[in-house]
């Protein structure tokens, strides 16, 4: 009898230990699940801290831009016909401002960029831009000061593929593509450079979107690129036939879906320098 009582007592103890172990496992599982949920919530909160929170407050203050071309290319702010000698190697901010003024748009220094996004665009990505509430910005360009819209015409004496490049024409030329934070920006405002997007919509060809680095911040940007150190299909802007100008519509905006597009970058300034390079098409 005493042996049976001891055995029953031992069995009870084992059963109690198993029950406690099961409870402990459930607690660990709950804590693990809770931790994962908390981490997921933190990520969700982090990714929704984009867009400016102060409605109607101006965005980037002070925008400067110029465009240059490498070998085989010439450029202009209007269609000058098929004579390549009528075109220039560089388009300056003054030339761009003249085009903006002719279109009754604000000039570069007066444009106040506010966050927009391609997120809701099911087609024509990079040409259709939307406000935070999903409303499409149908008014063109800087008439409302939301983004920069300008047109460029490229021409070449040979059939070429055109690329956006950060290569300098020669050492120290400092003429490659870059987006530069204004010297008056604070350290926090300097991040505005990383929120900037530039789209290129060549006549008759698909639109490409350039971002300074691989941000992956906005959905539907399957045509985005960031590596412009080597010519590839990704940073190819268009193709040109010999002595035939092609119009490229350029848009510059602040990407509202970018997690860095927060109040800290408001009223920042930046400069945009674009360089296009032509590579002959070999048949």
C-alpha atoms as a PDB file:
ATOM      1  CA  UNK A   1       0.000   0.000   0.000  1.00  0.00           C
ATOM      2  CA  UNK A   2       2.820   2.366   0.927  1.00  0.00           C
ATOM      3  CA  UNK A   3       4.519   1.564  -2.367  1.00  0.00           C
ATOM      4  CA  UNK A   4       1.310   2.308  -4.269  1.00  0.00           C
ATOM      5  CA  UNK A   5       0.878   5.605  -2.473  1.00  0.00           C
ATOM      6  CA  UNK A   6       4.512   6.529  -3.365  1.00  0.00           C
ATOM      7  CA  UNK A   7       3.968   5.605  -6.975  1.00  0.00           C
ATOM      8  CA  UNK A   8       0.737   7.595  -7.134  1.00  0.00           C
ATOM      9  CA  UNK A   9       2.482  10.536  -5.529  1.00  0.00           C
ATOM     10  CA  UNK A  10       5.310  10.336  -8.067  1.00  0.00           C
ATOM     11  CA  UNK A  11       2.833  10.030 -10.915  1.00  0.00           C
ATOM     12  CA  UNK A  12       0.946  13.047  -9.648  1.00  0.00           C
ATOM     13  CA  UNK A  13       4.171  14.994  -9.470  1.00  0.00           C
ATOM     14  CA  UNK A  14       5.065  14.095 -13.061  1.00  0.00           C
ATOM     15  CA  UNK A  15       1.593  15.051 -14.223  1.00  0.00           C
ATOM     16  CA  UNK A  16       1.863  18.352 -12.410  1.00  0.00           C
ATOM     17  CA  UNK A  17       5.259  19.009 -13.980  1.00  0.00           C
ATOM     18  CA  UNK A  18       3.888  18.237 -17.440  1.00  0.00           C
ATOM     19  CA  UNK A  19       0.992  20.592 -16.831  1.00  0.00           C
ATOM     20  CA  UNK A  20       3.347  23.344 -15.698  1.00  0.00           C
ATOM     21  CA  UNK A  21       5.586  22.725 -18.721  1.00  0.00           C
ATOM     22  CA  UNK A  22       2.591  22.986 -21.056  1.00  0.00           C
ATOM     23  CA  UNK A  23       1.582  26.251 -19.411  1.00  0.00           C
ATOM     24  CA  UNK A  24       5.119  27.569 -19.680  1.00  0.00           C
ATOM     25  CA  UNK A  25       5.274  26.673 -23.369  1.00  0.00           C
ATOM     26  CA  UNK A  26       1.994  28.471 -23.956  1.00  0.00           C
ATOM     27  CA  UNK A  27       3.342  31.537 -22.175  1.00  0.00           C
ATOM     28  CA  UNK A  28       6.529  31.498 -24.235  1.00  0.00           C
ATOM     29  CA  UNK A  29       4.497  31.096 -27.399  1.00  0.00           C
ATOM     30  CA  UNK A  30       2.243  33.954 -26.365  1.00  0.00           C
ATOM     31  CA  UNK A  31       5.189  36.168 -25.531  1.00  0.00           C
ATOM     32  CA  UNK A  32       6.859  35.288 -28.822  1.00  0.00           C
ATOM     33  CA  UNK A  33       3.682  36.036 -30.744  1.00  0.00           C
ATOM     34  CA  UNK A  34       3.222  39.248 -28.838  1.00  0.00           C
ATOM     35  CA  UNK A  35       6.793  40.308 -29.576  1.00  0.00           C
ATOM     36  CA  UNK A  36       6.334  39.592 -33.269  1.00  0.00           C
ATOM     37  CA  UNK A  37       3.111  41.583 -33.241  1.00  0.00           C
ATOM     38  CA  UNK A  38       4.803  44.490 -31.525  1.00  0.00           C
ATOM     39  CA  UNK A  39       7.652  44.438 -34.050  1.00  0.00           C
ATOM     40  CA  UNK A  40       5.155  44.288 -36.925  1.00  0.00           C
ATOM     41  CA  UNK A  41       3.231  47.177 -35.423  1.00  0.00           C
ATOM     42  CA  UNK A  42       6.413  49.202 -35.082  1.00  0.00           C
ATOM     43  CA  UNK A  43       7.249  48.548 -38.721  1.00  0.00           C
ATOM     44  CA  UNK A  44       3.744  49.547 -39.747  1.00  0.00           C
ATOM     45  CA  UNK A  45       3.957  52.739 -37.729  1.00  0.00           C
ATOM     46  CA  UNK A  46       7.371  53.514 -39.189  1.00  0.00           C
ATOM     47  CA  UNK A  47       6.186  53.069 -42.755  1.00  0.00           C
ATOM     48  CA  UNK A  48       3.167  55.289 -42.224  1.00  0.00           C
ATOM     49  CA  UNK A  49       5.184  58.216 -40.904  1.00  0.00           C
ATOM     50  CA  UNK A  50       5.590  59.578 -44.420  1.00  0.00           C
ATOM     51  CA  UNK A  51       3.975  62.663 -45.919  1.00  0.00           C
ATOM     52  CA  UNK A  52       4.003  66.074 -44.304  1.00  0.00           C
ATOM     53  CA  UNK A  53       1.612  66.330 -41.385  1.00  0.00           C
ATOM     54  CA  UNK A  54       0.957  70.052 -41.720  1.00  0.00           C
ATOM     55  CA  UNK A  55      -1.603  70.491 -44.462  1.00  0.00           C
ATOM     56  CA  UNK A  56      -0.768  73.082 -47.069  1.00  0.00           C
ATOM     57  CA  UNK A  57       2.701  73.868 -45.717  1.00  0.00           C
ATOM     58  CA  UNK A  58       5.185  74.412 -48.521  1.00  0.00           C
ATOM     59  CA  UNK A  59       7.677  71.704 -49.207  1.00  0.00           C
ATOM     60  CA  UNK A  60      11.050  72.160 -50.790  1.00  0.00           C
ATOM     61  CA  UNK A  61      11.974  75.833 -51.003  1.00  0.00           C
ATOM     62  CA  UNK A  62      14.454  76.778 -53.694  1.00  0.00           C
ATOM     63  CA  UNK A  63      15.034  74.519 -56.672  1.00  0.00           C
ATOM     64  CA  UNK A  64      17.870  74.832 -59.145  1.00  0.00           C
ATOM     65  CA  UNK A  65      18.473  72.745 -62.244  1.00  0.00           C
ATOM     66  CA  UNK A  66      20.651  72.411 -65.309  1.00  0.00           C
ATOM     67  CA  UNK A  67      21.054  69.701 -67.929  1.00  0.00           C
ATOM     68  CA  UNK A  68      24.083  68.725 -69.982  1.00  0.00           C
ATOM     69  CA  UNK A  69      24.858  66.178 -72.678  1.00  0.00           C
ATOM     70  CA  UNK A  70      27.825  63.975 -73.430  1.00  0.00           C
ATOM     71  CA  UNK A  71      29.163  62.901 -76.802  1.00  0.00           C
ATOM     72  CA  UNK A  72      26.743  62.402 -79.682  1.00  0.00           C
ATOM     73  CA  UNK A  73      23.995  64.537 -78.139  1.00  0.00           C
ATOM     74  CA  UNK A  74      22.624  68.077 -78.216  1.00  0.00           C
ATOM     75  CA  UNK A  75      19.767  69.517 -76.186  1.00  0.00           C
ATOM     76  CA  UNK A  76      17.228  72.381 -76.175  1.00  0.00           C
ATOM     77  CA  UNK A  77      14.079  73.545 -74.379  1.00  0.00           C
ATOM     78  CA  UNK A  78      12.110  73.670 -77.640  1.00  0.00           C
ATOM     79  CA  UNK A  79      11.949  71.796 -80.914  1.00  0.00           C
ATOM     80  CA  UNK A  80      14.481  73.516 -83.187  1.00  0.00           C
ATOM     81  CA  UNK A  81      14.050  71.150 -86.109  1.00  0.00           C
ATOM     82  CA  UNK A  82      16.529  68.713 -87.611  1.00  0.00           C
ATOM     83  CA  UNK A  83      19.600  70.972 -87.657  1.00  0.00           C
ATOM     84  CA  UNK A  84      21.798  69.642 -84.865  1.00  0.00           C
ATOM     85  CA  UNK A  85      23.854  72.847 -84.880  1.00  0.00           C
ATOM     86  CA  UNK A  86      20.818  74.776 -83.621  1.00  0.00           C
ATOM     87  CA  UNK A  87      20.968  72.839 -80.345  1.00  0.00           C
ATOM     88  CA  UNK A  88      23.236  73.272 -77.324  1.00  0.00           C
ATOM     89  CA  UNK A  89      25.369  71.034 -75.123  1.00  0.00           C
ATOM     90  CA  UNK A  90      23.782  72.481 -71.990  1.00  0.00           C
ATOM     91  CA  UNK A  91      20.406  73.741 -70.823  1.00  0.00           C
ATOM     92  CA  UNK A  92      20.747  76.212 -67.958  1.00  0.00           C
ATOM     93  CA  UNK A  93      18.351  77.224 -65.198  1.00  0.00           C
ATOM     94  CA  UNK A  94      17.703  80.504 -67.035  1.00  0.00           C
ATOM     95  CA  UNK A  95      16.646  78.617 -70.158  1.00  0.00           C
ATOM     96  CA  UNK A  96      14.358  76.384 -68.097  1.00  0.00           C
ATOM     97  CA  UNK A  97      12.855  79.420 -66.375  1.00  0.00           C
ATOM     98  CA  UNK A  98      12.127  80.961 -69.763  1.00  0.00           C
ATOM     99  CA  UNK A  99      10.161  77.852 -70.727  1.00  0.00           C
ATOM    100  CA  UNK A 100       8.311  77.846 -67.384  1.00  0.00           C
ATOM    101  CA  UNK A 101       7.405  81.518 -67.761  1.00  0.00           C
ATOM    102  CA  UNK A 102       6.151  80.957 -71.315  1.00  0.00           C
ATOM    103  CA  UNK A 103       3.823  78.254 -69.944  1.00  0.00           C
ATOM    104  CA  UNK A 104       2.621  80.538 -67.131  1.00  0.00           C
ATOM    105  CA  UNK A 105       4.334  78.315 -64.575  1.00  0.00           C
ATOM    106  CA  UNK A 106       6.310  79.449 -61.559  1.00  0.00           C
ATOM    107  CA  UNK A 107      10.064  79.745 -62.055  1.00  0.00           C
ATOM    108  CA  UNK A 108      12.445  77.377 -60.302  1.00  0.00           C
ATOM    109  CA  UNK A 109      13.162  79.416 -57.183  1.00  0.00           C
ATOM    110  CA  UNK A 110       9.452  80.022 -56.603  1.00  0.00           C
ATOM    111  CA  UNK A 111       8.356  76.409 -56.883  1.00  0.00           C
ATOM    112  CA  UNK A 112       7.297  74.898 -53.548  1.00  0.00           C
ATOM    113  CA  UNK A 113       7.327  71.144 -53.964  1.00  0.00           C
ATOM    114  CA  UNK A 114       4.772  69.265 -51.884  1.00  0.00           C
ATOM    115  CA  UNK A 115       4.611  65.476 -51.499  1.00  0.00           C
ATOM    116  CA  UNK A 116       3.059  63.519 -54.334  1.00  0.00           C
ATOM    117  CA  UNK A 117       3.180  59.843 -55.216  1.00  0.00           C
ATOM    118  CA  UNK A 118       2.793  57.393 -58.075  1.00  0.00           C
ATOM    119  CA  UNK A 119       1.254  54.877 -55.671  1.00  0.00           C
ATOM    120  CA  UNK A 120      -2.278  55.032 -57.049  1.00  0.00           C
ATOM    121  CA  UNK A 121      -1.258  55.000 -60.700  1.00  0.00           C
ATOM    122  CA  UNK A 122      -2.417  51.843 -62.440  1.00  0.00           C
ATOM    123  CA  UNK A 123      -0.995  53.084 -65.748  1.00  0.00           C
ATOM    124  CA  UNK A 124       1.373  55.772 -67.025  1.00  0.00           C
ATOM    125  CA  UNK A 125       3.458  55.400 -63.865  1.00  0.00           C
ATOM    126  CA  UNK A 126       5.766  58.352 -63.464  1.00  0.00           C
ATOM    127  CA  UNK A 127       3.498  60.723 -65.365  1.00  0.00           C
ATOM    128  CA  UNK A 128       0.447  60.462 -63.077  1.00  0.00           C
ATOM    129  CA  UNK A 129       0.962  61.874 -59.590  1.00  0.00           C
ATOM    130  CA  UNK A 130      -1.388  61.724 -56.617  1.00  0.00           C
ATOM    131  CA  UNK A 131      -1.983  63.544 -53.348  1.00  0.00           C
ATOM    132  CA  UNK A 132      -1.959  61.704 -50.018  1.00  0.00           C
ATOM    133  CA  UNK A 133      -5.744  61.240 -50.113  1.00  0.00           C
ATOM    134  CA  UNK A 134      -5.488  59.482 -53.474  1.00  0.00           C
ATOM    135  CA  UNK A 135      -6.705  62.402 -55.563  1.00  0.00           C
ATOM    136  CA  UNK A 136      -4.829  62.705 -58.827  1.00  0.00           C
ATOM    137  CA  UNK A 137      -3.024  65.979 -59.413  1.00  0.00           C
ATOM    138  CA  UNK A 138      -4.506  66.838 -62.791  1.00  0.00           C
ATOM    139  CA  UNK A 139      -3.303  70.445 -62.971  1.00  0.00           C
ATOM    140  CA  UNK A 140      -0.001  70.437 -64.833  1.00  0.00           C
ATOM    141  CA  UNK A 141       3.252  71.291 -63.166  1.00  0.00           C
ATOM    142  CA  UNK A 142       4.332  74.266 -61.146  1.00  0.00           C
ATOM    143  CA  UNK A 143       1.249  76.357 -61.863  1.00  0.00           C
ATOM    144  CA  UNK A 144       0.185  75.048 -58.475  1.00  0.00           C
ATOM    145  CA  UNK A 145       3.724  74.588 -57.229  1.00  0.00           C
ATOM    146  CA  UNK A 146       3.359  70.890 -56.519  1.00  0.00           C
ATOM    147  CA  UNK A 147       6.030  69.588 -58.854  1.00  0.00           C
ATOM    148  CA  UNK A 148       8.325  70.690 -61.645  1.00  0.00           C
ATOM    149  CA  UNK A 149       7.260  69.943 -65.188  1.00  0.00           C
ATOM    150  CA  UNK A 150       9.490  70.810 -68.130  1.00  0.00           C
ATOM    151  CA  UNK A 151      10.160  69.595 -71.652  1.00  0.00           C
ATOM    152  CA  UNK A 152      13.522  68.880 -73.225  1.00  0.00           C
ATOM    153  CA  UNK A 153      14.403  67.992 -76.819  1.00  0.00           C
ATOM    154  CA  UNK A 154      17.382  65.744 -77.536  1.00  0.00           C
ATOM    155  CA  UNK A 155      18.993  65.242 -80.933  1.00  0.00           C
ATOM    156  CA  UNK A 156      21.998  63.375 -82.290  1.00  0.00           C
ATOM    157  CA  UNK A 157      23.782  63.187 -85.605  1.00  0.00           C
ATOM    158  CA  UNK A 158      23.777  59.407 -85.278  1.00  0.00           C
ATOM    159  CA  UNK A 159      21.262  56.811 -84.135  1.00  0.00           C
ATOM    160  CA  UNK A 160      21.951  56.482 -80.412  1.00  0.00           C
ATOM    161  CA  UNK A 161      20.569  55.114 -77.181  1.00  0.00           C
ATOM    162  CA  UNK A 162      20.329  57.813 -74.512  1.00  0.00           C
ATOM    163  CA  UNK A 163      21.242  57.129 -70.887  1.00  0.00           C
ATOM    164  CA  UNK A 164      21.160  59.111 -67.671  1.00  0.00           C
ATOM    165  CA  UNK A 165      24.683  59.053 -66.256  1.00  0.00           C
ATOM    166  CA  UNK A 166      26.720  60.365 -63.340  1.00  0.00           C
ATOM    167  CA  UNK A 167      29.948  60.152 -65.359  1.00  0.00           C
ATOM    168  CA  UNK A 168      31.934  63.349 -65.770  1.00  0.00           C
ATOM    169  CA  UNK A 169      32.919  64.410 -69.279  1.00  0.00           C
ATOM    170  CA  UNK A 170      36.456  64.736 -67.922  1.00  0.00           C
ATOM    171  CA  UNK A 171      38.156  64.671 -64.519  1.00  0.00           C
ATOM    172  CA  UNK A 172      37.006  67.599 -62.410  1.00  0.00           C
ATOM    173  CA  UNK A 173      34.247  68.627 -64.822  1.00  0.00           C
ATOM    174  CA  UNK A 174      31.615  67.986 -62.152  1.00  0.00           C
ATOM    175  CA  UNK A 175      28.906  67.701 -64.813  1.00  0.00           C
ATOM    176  CA  UNK A 176      27.458  64.253 -64.036  1.00  0.00           C
ATOM    177  CA  UNK A 177      23.919  63.693 -62.809  1.00  0.00           C
ATOM    178  CA  UNK A 178      23.430  64.468 -59.131  1.00  0.00           C
ATOM    179  CA  UNK A 179      20.912  65.859 -56.654  1.00  0.00           C
ATOM    180  CA  UNK A 180      22.562  68.114 -54.094  1.00  0.00           C
ATOM    181  CA  UNK A 181      21.307  69.387 -50.766  1.00  0.00           C
ATOM    182  CA  UNK A 182      21.369  73.182 -50.380  1.00  0.00           C
ATOM    183  CA  UNK A 183      24.148  74.561 -48.185  1.00  0.00           C
ATOM    184  CA  UNK A 184      21.531  76.229 -45.982  1.00  0.00           C
ATOM    185  CA  UNK A 185      19.823  72.936 -45.136  1.00  0.00           C
ATOM    186  CA  UNK A 186      20.072  71.457 -41.667  1.00  0.00           C
ATOM    187  CA  UNK A 187      21.293  67.875 -41.276  1.00  0.00           C
ATOM    188  CA  UNK A 188      17.682  66.681 -41.101  1.00  0.00           C
ATOM    189  CA  UNK A 189      16.660  68.716 -44.137  1.00  0.00           C
ATOM    190  CA  UNK A 190      19.490  67.192 -46.163  1.00  0.00           C
ATOM    191  CA  UNK A 191      17.445  63.977 -46.362  1.00  0.00           C
ATOM    192  CA  UNK A 192      15.160  65.743 -48.822  1.00  0.00           C
ATOM    193  CA  UNK A 193      17.628  64.632 -51.498  1.00  0.00           C
ATOM    194  CA  UNK A 194      16.723  61.005 -50.782  1.00  0.00           C
ATOM    195  CA  UNK A 195      12.988  61.700 -51.158  1.00  0.00           C
ATOM    196  CA  UNK A 196      13.356  63.351 -54.569  1.00  0.00           C
ATOM    197  CA  UNK A 197      12.127  61.570 -57.693  1.00  0.00           C
ATOM    198  CA  UNK A 198      12.641  62.487 -61.350  1.00  0.00           C
ATOM    199  CA  UNK A 199      10.659  60.876 -64.133  1.00  0.00           C
ATOM    200  CA  UNK A 200      11.523  60.919 -67.827  1.00  0.00           C
ATOM    201  CA  UNK A 201       8.686  60.416 -70.305  1.00  0.00           C
ATOM    202  CA  UNK A 202      10.100  60.250 -73.856  1.00  0.00           C
ATOM    203  CA  UNK A 203       7.660  60.690 -76.704  1.00  0.00           C
ATOM    204  CA  UNK A 204       6.504  57.250 -77.837  1.00  0.00           C
ATOM    205  CA  UNK A 205       8.483  55.337 -75.183  1.00  0.00           C
ATOM    206  CA  UNK A 206       7.910  54.144 -71.634  1.00  0.00           C
ATOM    207  CA  UNK A 207       8.556  56.374 -68.618  1.00  0.00           C
ATOM    208  CA  UNK A 208      11.467  55.805 -66.239  1.00  0.00           C
ATOM    209  CA  UNK A 209      11.791  57.107 -62.660  1.00  0.00           C
ATOM    210  CA  UNK A 210      15.162  58.028 -61.173  1.00  0.00           C
ATOM    211  CA  UNK A 211      15.767  57.983 -57.418  1.00  0.00           C
ATOM    212  CA  UNK A 212      19.079  58.743 -55.737  1.00  0.00           C
ATOM    213  CA  UNK A 213      19.243  55.365 -54.036  1.00  0.00           C
ATOM    214  CA  UNK A 214      17.210  52.179 -53.977  1.00  0.00           C
ATOM    215  CA  UNK A 215      14.490  53.370 -51.635  1.00  0.00           C
ATOM    216  CA  UNK A 216      11.627  51.045 -52.578  1.00  0.00           C
ATOM    217  CA  UNK A 217       9.339  53.467 -50.761  1.00  0.00           C
ATOM    218  CA  UNK A 218       6.453  53.735 -53.208  1.00  0.00           C
ATOM    219  CA  UNK A 219       4.553  50.885 -54.764  1.00  0.00           C
ATOM    220  CA  UNK A 220       4.087  50.592 -58.520  1.00  0.00           C
ATOM    221  CA  UNK A 221       7.601  51.867 -59.200  1.00  0.00           C
ATOM    222  CA  UNK A 222       8.582  48.886 -61.285  1.00  0.00           C
ATOM    223  CA  UNK A 223      10.242  51.262 -63.733  1.00  0.00           C
ATOM    224  CA  UNK A 224      12.425  52.969 -61.101  1.00  0.00           C
ATOM    225  CA  UNK A 225      16.228  52.966 -61.316  1.00  0.00           C
ATOM    226  CA  UNK A 226      19.077  54.329 -59.216  1.00  0.00           C
ATOM    227  CA  UNK A 227      22.358  52.972 -60.603  1.00  0.00           C
ATOM    228  CA  UNK A 228      23.621  55.396 -63.251  1.00  0.00           C
ATOM    229  CA  UNK A 229      27.331  54.624 -63.129  1.00  0.00           C
ATOM    230  CA  UNK A 230      27.133  52.193 -66.054  1.00  0.00           C
ATOM    231  CA  UNK A 231      24.840  52.234 -69.069  1.00  0.00           C
ATOM    232  CA  UNK A 232      22.211  49.494 -68.952  1.00  0.00           C
ATOM    233  CA  UNK A 233      18.592  48.891 -69.901  1.00  0.00           C
ATOM    234  CA  UNK A 234      17.589  50.217 -66.473  1.00  0.00           C
ATOM    235  CA  UNK A 235      18.933  53.755 -66.956  1.00  0.00           C
ATOM    236  CA  UNK A 236      18.246  53.970 -70.686  1.00  0.00           C
ATOM    237  CA  UNK A 237      15.963  56.959 -71.243  1.00  0.00           C
ATOM    238  CA  UNK A 238      15.163  56.605 -74.945  1.00  0.00           C
ATOM    239  CA  UNK A 239      16.490  55.925 -78.433  1.00  0.00           C
ATOM    240  CA  UNK A 240      17.079  58.557 -81.125  1.00  0.00           C
ATOM    241  CA  UNK A 241      17.148  58.336 -84.880  1.00  0.00           C
ATOM    242  CA  UNK A 242      19.851  60.363 -86.619  1.00  0.00           C
ATOM    243  CA  UNK A 243      19.075  64.089 -86.867  1.00  0.00           C
ATOM    244  CA  UNK A 244      15.586  63.592 -85.450  1.00  0.00           C
ATOM    245  CA  UNK A 245      14.740  65.453 -82.219  1.00  0.00           C
ATOM    246  CA  UNK A 246      12.741  63.703 -79.511  1.00  0.00           C
ATOM    247  CA  UNK A 247      10.758  65.363 -76.754  1.00  0.00           C
ATOM    248  CA  UNK A 248      11.247  64.190 -73.179  1.00  0.00           C
ATOM    249  CA  UNK A 249       8.898  65.422 -70.464  1.00  0.00           C
ATOM    250  CA  UNK A 250      10.675  65.674 -67.124  1.00  0.00           C
ATOM    251  CA  UNK A 251       8.905  65.774 -63.766  1.00  0.00           C
ATOM    252  CA  UNK A 252      10.531  66.408 -60.380  1.00  0.00           C
ATOM    253  CA  UNK A 253       8.630  65.782 -57.157  1.00  0.00           C
ATOM    254  CA  UNK A 254       8.996  64.725 -53.519  1.00  0.00           C
ATOM    255  CA  UNK A 255       7.812  61.146 -53.026  1.00  0.00           C
ATOM    256  CA  UNK A 256       5.201  61.202 -50.260  1.00  0.00           C
ATOM    257  CA  UNK A 257       5.423  57.433 -49.726  1.00  0.00           C
ATOM    258  CA  UNK A 258       9.099  57.690 -48.841  1.00  0.00           C
ATOM    259  CA  UNK A 259       9.520  57.194 -45.058  1.00  0.00           C
ATOM    260  CA  UNK A 260      11.881  60.182 -45.022  1.00  0.00           C
ATOM    261  CA  UNK A 261       9.200  62.494 -46.420  1.00  0.00           C
ATOM    262  CA  UNK A 262       8.341  63.962 -43.019  1.00  0.00           C
ATOM    263  CA  UNK A 263       8.119  67.441 -41.529  1.00  0.00           C
ATOM    264  CA  UNK A 264      11.878  67.495 -40.890  1.00  0.00           C
ATOM    265  CA  UNK A 265      12.639  67.935 -44.593  1.00  0.00           C
ATOM    266  CA  UNK A 266      10.182  70.754 -45.178  1.00  0.00           C
ATOM    267  CA  UNK A 267      11.465  74.064 -46.494  1.00  0.00           C
ATOM    268  CA  UNK A 268      14.692  72.415 -47.595  1.00  0.00           C
ATOM    269  CA  UNK A 269      16.378  73.267 -50.858  1.00  0.00           C
ATOM    270  CA  UNK A 270      18.154  71.138 -53.433  1.00  0.00           C
ATOM    271  CA  UNK A 271      19.729  71.359 -56.850  1.00  0.00           C
ATOM    272  CA  UNK A 272      19.264  68.923 -59.704  1.00  0.00           C
ATOM    273  CA  UNK A 273      21.908  68.355 -62.343  1.00  0.00           C
ATOM    274  CA  UNK A 274      21.112  65.974 -65.184  1.00  0.00           C
ATOM    275  CA  UNK A 275      23.512  64.559 -67.724  1.00  0.00           C
ATOM    276  CA  UNK A 276      22.501  62.539 -70.755  1.00  0.00           C
ATOM    277  CA  UNK A 277      24.922  60.358 -72.664  1.00  0.00           C
ATOM    278  CA  UNK A 278      24.454  58.878 -76.118  1.00  0.00           C
ATOM    279  CA  UNK A 279      25.823  55.523 -77.252  1.00  0.00           C
ATOM    280  CA  UNK A 280      25.752  54.748 -80.964  1.00  0.00           C
ATOM    281  CA  UNK A 281      23.363  52.008 -81.969  1.00  0.00           C
ATOM    282  CA  UNK A 282      25.236  49.290 -83.838  1.00  0.00           C
ATOM    283  CA  UNK A 283      23.263  47.438 -86.515  1.00  0.00           C
END
